Amino acid sequence: MATTMTTAESTVTVGIPPEEAHKKWLEWTSKGGPGMPRGDSEEVKTGQLPSELQNAESGTSYFEPGPGNGTKVRMQLRYNPDAVEKEGLGPNWVEQRINLYVTRFKNFAEGRPA
């Protein structure tokens, strides 16, 4: 039986040019970077997730010119909604998680506490 995947998306505008936003994103997502899971600071530790969800924590990010000299950062994440439901995480869990993630990135990129 084929797995039906769903895509969640979130967008935020950061007040820096696209090239700088992309550099900040690479810093944010690098191994050991502030945007990666840090154990006790995450509500749900990756190691506690079922394998279907552990592999869903990857997506695609886009950096487009935004208002002024800013950047629209858009993140898309494909996931299996049945796996999310099976774990009892609620229908909006993935959307809330990526909204929080891109908001934390915005704060990091603009020099505020993430």
N, C-alpha and C. Protein backbone atom coordinates (compact mmCIF):
# COMPACT_ATOMS: atom_id res chain seq x y z
N MET A 1 0.84 -1.17 0.00
CA MET A 1 0.00 0.00 0.00
C MET A 1 0.89 1.24 0.00
N ALA A 2 0.59 2.17 -0.87
CA ALA A 2 1.39 3.39 -1.00
C ALA A 2 1.10 4.35 0.14
N THR A 3 2.13 5.07 0.56
CA THR A 3 1.99 6.08 1.60
C THR A 3 1.62 7.40 0.96
N THR A 4 0.60 8.04 1.49
CA THR A 4 0.21 9.36 1.00
C THR A 4 0.95 10.40 1.82
N MET A 5 1.70 11.23 1.15
CA MET A 5 2.46 12.27 1.83
C MET A 5 1.70 13.59 1.71
N THR A 6 1.87 14.43 2.71
CA THR A 6 1.27 15.75 2.75
C THR A 6 2.38 16.77 2.87
N THR A 7 2.17 17.96 2.35
CA THR A 7 3.18 19.01 2.45
C THR A 7 2.67 20.12 3.36
N ALA A 8 3.49 20.48 4.33
CA ALA A 8 3.22 21.62 5.20
C ALA A 8 4.17 22.73 4.77
N GLU A 9 3.75 23.96 4.91
CA GLU A 9 4.58 25.09 4.46
C GLU A 9 4.43 26.25 5.43
N SER A 10 5.52 26.99 5.60
CA SER A 10 5.49 28.21 6.40
C SER A 10 6.44 29.22 5.77
N THR A 11 6.07 30.48 5.85
CA THR A 11 6.88 31.56 5.28
C THR A 11 7.08 32.65 6.31
N VAL A 12 8.27 33.22 6.34
CA VAL A 12 8.57 34.36 7.19
C VAL A 12 9.41 35.33 6.38
N THR A 13 9.29 36.60 6.70
CA THR A 13 10.12 37.61 6.05
C THR A 13 11.19 38.07 7.03
N VAL A 14 12.45 38.00 6.59
CA VAL A 14 13.55 38.47 7.43
C VAL A 14 14.11 39.75 6.83
N GLY A 15 14.63 40.60 7.68
CA GLY A 15 15.09 41.91 7.25
C GLY A 15 16.53 41.96 6.76
N ILE A 16 16.94 40.94 6.01
CA ILE A 16 18.29 40.91 5.42
C ILE A 16 18.16 40.42 3.98
N PRO A 17 19.15 40.76 3.13
CA PRO A 17 19.09 40.34 1.71
C PRO A 17 19.13 38.82 1.56
N PRO A 18 18.62 38.30 0.44
CA PRO A 18 18.57 36.85 0.22
C PRO A 18 19.91 36.13 0.38
N GLU A 19 20.99 36.69 -0.14
CA GLU A 19 22.30 36.01 -0.03
C GLU A 19 22.70 35.86 1.44
N GLU A 20 22.49 36.91 2.22
CA GLU A 20 22.82 36.87 3.64
C GLU A 20 21.89 35.91 4.38
N ALA A 21 20.60 35.92 4.02
CA ALA A 21 19.64 35.01 4.65
C ALA A 21 20.03 33.55 4.38
N HIS A 22 20.46 33.27 3.16
CA HIS A 22 20.88 31.90 2.84
C HIS A 22 22.11 31.50 3.66
N LYS A 23 23.08 32.40 3.80
CA LYS A 23 24.26 32.11 4.62
C LYS A 23 23.86 31.84 6.07
N LYS A 24 22.95 32.66 6.58
CA LYS A 24 22.47 32.48 7.96
C LYS A 24 21.74 31.14 8.10
N TRP A 25 20.98 30.75 7.06
CA TRP A 25 20.26 29.48 7.09
C TRP A 25 21.25 28.32 7.18
N LEU A 26 22.33 28.40 6.38
CA LEU A 26 23.34 27.33 6.42
C LEU A 26 24.00 27.26 7.80
N GLU A 27 24.23 28.39 8.41
CA GLU A 27 24.78 28.43 9.77
C GLU A 27 23.76 27.84 10.76
N TRP A 28 22.50 28.23 10.60
CA TRP A 28 21.41 27.78 11.46
C TRP A 28 21.22 26.27 11.42
N THR A 29 21.33 25.69 10.22
CA THR A 29 21.05 24.27 10.04
C THR A 29 22.29 23.38 10.04
N SER A 30 23.48 23.95 10.17
CA SER A 30 24.70 23.14 10.14
C SER A 30 24.75 22.22 11.36
N LYS A 31 25.57 21.18 11.26
CA LYS A 31 25.72 20.25 12.37
C LYS A 31 26.15 21.03 13.61
N GLY A 32 25.38 20.91 14.66
CA GLY A 32 25.67 21.64 15.89
C GLY A 32 25.17 23.08 15.87
N GLY A 33 24.54 23.49 14.75
CA GLY A 33 24.02 24.84 14.64
C GLY A 33 22.81 25.04 15.53
N PRO A 34 22.44 26.28 15.80
CA PRO A 34 21.35 26.55 16.72
C PRO A 34 19.99 26.07 16.25
N GLY A 35 19.83 25.80 14.97
CA GLY A 35 18.54 25.33 14.47
C GLY A 35 18.37 23.83 14.51
N MET A 36 19.40 23.11 14.93
CA MET A 36 19.30 21.66 14.99
C MET A 36 18.85 21.23 16.38
N PRO A 37 18.21 20.05 16.50
CA PRO A 37 17.74 19.58 17.80
C PRO A 37 18.89 19.52 18.80
N ARG A 38 18.58 19.98 20.01
CA ARG A 38 19.60 20.00 21.06
C ARG A 38 19.16 19.21 22.29
N GLY A 39 18.45 18.15 22.07
CA GLY A 39 18.05 17.32 23.20
C GLY A 39 17.01 17.97 24.07
N ASP A 40 17.40 18.42 25.26
CA ASP A 40 16.43 18.89 26.24
C ASP A 40 15.71 20.17 25.84
N SER A 41 16.19 20.90 24.85
CA SER A 41 15.52 22.13 24.45
C SER A 41 14.37 21.89 23.47
N GLU A 42 14.27 20.68 22.97
CA GLU A 42 13.20 20.35 22.04
C GLU A 42 12.05 19.71 22.80
N GLU A 43 10.82 20.09 22.46
CA GLU A 43 9.65 19.47 23.10
C GLU A 43 9.59 17.99 22.79
N VAL A 44 9.91 17.61 21.58
CA VAL A 44 9.92 16.21 21.17
C VAL A 44 11.32 15.91 20.66
N LYS A 45 12.00 15.02 21.36
CA LYS A 45 13.35 14.66 20.94
C LYS A 45 13.26 13.74 19.73
N THR A 46 14.12 13.98 18.73
CA THR A 46 14.08 13.22 17.50
C THR A 46 14.18 11.72 17.78
N GLY A 47 15.01 11.32 18.72
CA GLY A 47 15.18 9.90 19.02
C GLY A 47 13.92 9.25 19.56
N GLN A 48 12.96 10.05 20.04
CA GLN A 48 11.73 9.50 20.58
C GLN A 48 10.65 9.36 19.51
N LEU A 49 10.88 9.88 18.34
CA LEU A 49 9.89 9.82 17.27
C LEU A 49 9.95 8.48 16.56
N PRO A 50 8.81 8.00 16.06
CA PRO A 50 8.84 6.78 15.26
C PRO A 50 9.64 7.02 13.98
N SER A 51 10.14 5.95 13.39
CA SER A 51 11.00 6.09 12.21
C SER A 51 10.32 6.85 11.08
N GLU A 52 8.98 6.73 10.95
CA GLU A 52 8.28 7.44 9.88
C GLU A 52 8.42 8.95 10.04
N LEU A 53 8.49 9.43 11.29
CA LEU A 53 8.60 10.87 11.51
C LEU A 53 10.05 11.33 11.57
N GLN A 54 10.96 10.47 12.05
CA GLN A 54 12.36 10.87 12.08
C GLN A 54 12.84 11.24 10.68
N ASN A 55 12.41 10.50 9.69
CA ASN A 55 12.83 10.76 8.32
C ASN A 55 12.06 11.92 7.68
N ALA A 56 11.01 12.40 8.32
CA ALA A 56 10.21 13.48 7.75
C ALA A 56 10.76 14.85 8.10
N GLU A 57 11.78 14.90 8.93
CA GLU A 57 12.34 16.17 9.34
C GLU A 57 13.31 16.74 8.31
N SER A 58 12.97 16.62 7.07
CA SER A 58 13.75 17.24 6.01
C SER A 58 12.77 17.88 5.04
N GLY A 59 13.20 18.92 4.44
CA GLY A 59 12.30 19.62 3.54
C GLY A 59 13.08 20.47 2.57
N THR A 60 12.40 21.44 2.01
CA THR A 60 13.01 22.35 1.05
C THR A 60 12.78 23.77 1.52
N SER A 61 13.81 24.58 1.41
CA SER A 61 13.70 25.99 1.79
C SER A 61 13.98 26.86 0.57
N TYR A 62 13.23 27.96 0.47
CA TYR A 62 13.37 28.88 -0.64
C TYR A 62 13.66 30.27 -0.09
N PHE A 63 14.49 31.02 -0.80
CA PHE A 63 14.88 32.38 -0.41
C PHE A 63 14.56 33.31 -1.57
N GLU A 64 13.55 34.15 -1.38
CA GLU A 64 13.09 35.02 -2.45
C GLU A 64 13.18 36.47 -1.99
N PRO A 65 13.47 37.40 -2.89
CA PRO A 65 13.49 38.81 -2.49
C PRO A 65 12.16 39.19 -1.84
N GLY A 66 12.27 39.93 -0.75
CA GLY A 66 11.08 40.37 -0.02
C GLY A 66 10.99 41.88 0.00
N PRO A 67 10.11 42.41 0.81
CA PRO A 67 9.93 43.86 0.91
C PRO A 67 11.23 44.56 1.32
N GLY A 68 11.45 45.73 0.77
CA GLY A 68 12.68 46.47 1.09
C GLY A 68 13.88 45.68 0.63
N ASN A 69 14.81 45.50 1.53
CA ASN A 69 16.01 44.71 1.23
C ASN A 69 15.92 43.36 1.94
N GLY A 70 14.70 42.92 2.24
CA GLY A 70 14.50 41.69 3.00
C GLY A 70 14.37 40.46 2.13
N THR A 71 14.05 39.35 2.78
CA THR A 71 13.94 38.06 2.12
C THR A 71 12.72 37.31 2.64
N LYS A 72 11.95 36.74 1.72
CA LYS A 72 10.91 35.80 2.10
C LYS A 72 11.55 34.42 2.17
N VAL A 73 11.53 33.82 3.35
CA VAL A 73 12.07 32.48 3.54
C VAL A 73 10.87 31.55 3.66
N ARG A 74 10.80 30.60 2.74
CA ARG A 74 9.69 29.65 2.71
C ARG A 74 10.23 28.25 2.91
N MET A 75 9.64 27.53 3.86
CA MET A 75 10.06 26.16 4.14
C MET A 75 8.89 25.22 3.87
N GLN A 76 9.15 24.17 3.10
CA GLN A 76 8.17 23.13 2.83
C GLN A 76 8.67 21.82 3.42
N LEU A 77 7.75 21.07 4.00
CA LEU A 77 8.11 19.79 4.61
C LEU A 77 7.08 18.75 4.20
N ARG A 78 7.56 17.67 3.59
CA ARG A 78 6.67 16.56 3.24
C ARG A 78 6.68 15.57 4.39
N TYR A 79 5.48 15.09 4.74
CA TYR A 79 5.39 14.15 5.86
C TYR A 79 4.19 13.21 5.66
N ASN A 80 4.19 12.17 6.44
CA ASN A 80 3.12 11.18 6.40
C ASN A 80 2.10 11.53 7.49
N PRO A 81 0.92 12.04 7.14
CA PRO A 81 -0.06 12.44 8.15
C PRO A 81 -0.56 11.26 8.98
N ASP A 82 -0.54 10.05 8.42
CA ASP A 82 -0.98 8.88 9.19
C ASP A 82 -0.02 8.61 10.34
N ALA A 83 1.28 8.80 10.11
CA ALA A 83 2.27 8.60 11.18
C ALA A 83 2.09 9.62 12.29
N VAL A 84 1.78 10.86 11.92
CA VAL A 84 1.56 11.91 12.91
C VAL A 84 0.32 11.58 13.74
N GLU A 85 -0.73 11.18 13.07
CA GLU A 85 -1.97 10.82 13.77
C GLU A 85 -1.76 9.61 14.68
N LYS A 86 -1.02 8.62 14.18
CA LYS A 86 -0.74 7.40 14.95
C LYS A 86 -0.05 7.74 16.27
N GLU A 87 0.80 8.75 16.27
CA GLU A 87 1.52 9.15 17.48
C GLU A 87 0.70 10.08 18.37
N GLY A 88 -0.52 10.44 17.92
CA GLY A 88 -1.39 11.29 18.72
C GLY A 88 -0.90 12.72 18.83
N LEU A 89 -0.20 13.20 17.82
CA LEU A 89 0.40 14.54 17.88
C LEU A 89 -0.54 15.64 17.40
N GLY A 90 -1.70 15.30 16.90
CA GLY A 90 -2.67 16.31 16.48
C GLY A 90 -2.51 16.69 15.03
N PRO A 91 -3.61 17.15 14.42
CA PRO A 91 -3.61 17.42 12.99
C PRO A 91 -2.72 18.60 12.57
N ASN A 92 -2.45 19.52 13.46
CA ASN A 92 -1.65 20.70 13.11
C ASN A 92 -0.22 20.65 13.67
N TRP A 93 0.20 19.51 14.18
CA TRP A 93 1.49 19.41 14.84
C TRP A 93 2.65 19.80 13.91
N VAL A 94 2.66 19.28 12.70
CA VAL A 94 3.76 19.57 11.77
C VAL A 94 3.76 21.05 11.40
N GLU A 95 2.59 21.61 11.09
CA GLU A 95 2.50 23.03 10.74
C GLU A 95 2.99 23.92 11.89
N GLN A 96 2.58 23.60 13.11
CA GLN A 96 3.02 24.38 14.26
C GLN A 96 4.53 24.28 14.45
N ARG A 97 5.05 23.10 14.22
CA ARG A 97 6.50 22.88 14.39
C ARG A 97 7.30 23.68 13.37
N ILE A 98 6.90 23.68 12.10
CA ILE A 98 7.69 24.44 11.13
C ILE A 98 7.46 25.94 11.28
N ASN A 99 6.28 26.36 11.72
CA ASN A 99 6.06 27.78 12.02
C ASN A 99 7.01 28.24 13.11
N LEU A 100 7.12 27.45 14.16
CA LEU A 100 8.05 27.78 15.25
C LEU A 100 9.49 27.81 14.73
N TYR A 101 9.85 26.84 13.91
CA TYR A 101 11.21 26.73 13.39
C TYR A 101 11.59 27.96 12.56
N VAL A 102 10.72 28.38 11.64
CA VAL A 102 11.07 29.54 10.80
C VAL A 102 11.01 30.84 11.60
N THR A 103 10.17 30.91 12.62
CA THR A 103 10.15 32.09 13.48
C THR A 103 11.44 32.18 14.29
N ARG A 104 11.90 31.05 14.79
CA ARG A 104 13.19 31.03 15.50
C ARG A 104 14.32 31.41 14.55
N PHE A 105 14.26 30.94 13.30
CA PHE A 105 15.28 31.32 12.32
C PHE A 105 15.26 32.82 12.09
N LYS A 106 14.09 33.42 11.94
CA LYS A 106 13.97 34.87 11.73
C LYS A 106 14.67 35.61 12.87
N ASN A 107 14.40 35.21 14.09
CA ASN A 107 15.05 35.85 15.25
C ASN A 107 16.56 35.70 15.19
N PHE A 108 17.03 34.50 14.87
CA PHE A 108 18.47 34.24 14.75
C PHE A 108 19.09 35.10 13.65
N ALA A 109 18.45 35.12 12.48
CA ALA A 109 19.00 35.85 11.34
C ALA A 109 19.05 37.35 11.59
N GLU A 110 18.10 37.86 12.37
CA GLU A 110 18.05 39.29 12.66
C GLU A 110 18.76 39.66 13.95
N GLY A 111 19.48 38.70 14.55
CA GLY A 111 20.31 38.99 15.72
C GLY A 111 19.58 39.02 17.05
N ARG A 112 18.36 38.45 17.09
CA ARG A 112 17.63 38.36 18.35
C ARG A 112 17.76 36.94 18.87
N PRO A 113 17.48 36.72 20.16
CA PRO A 113 17.52 35.36 20.68
C PRO A 113 16.54 34.47 19.91
N ALA A 114 17.03 33.32 19.51
CA ALA A 114 16.19 32.39 18.75
C ALA A 114 15.18 31.74 19.66
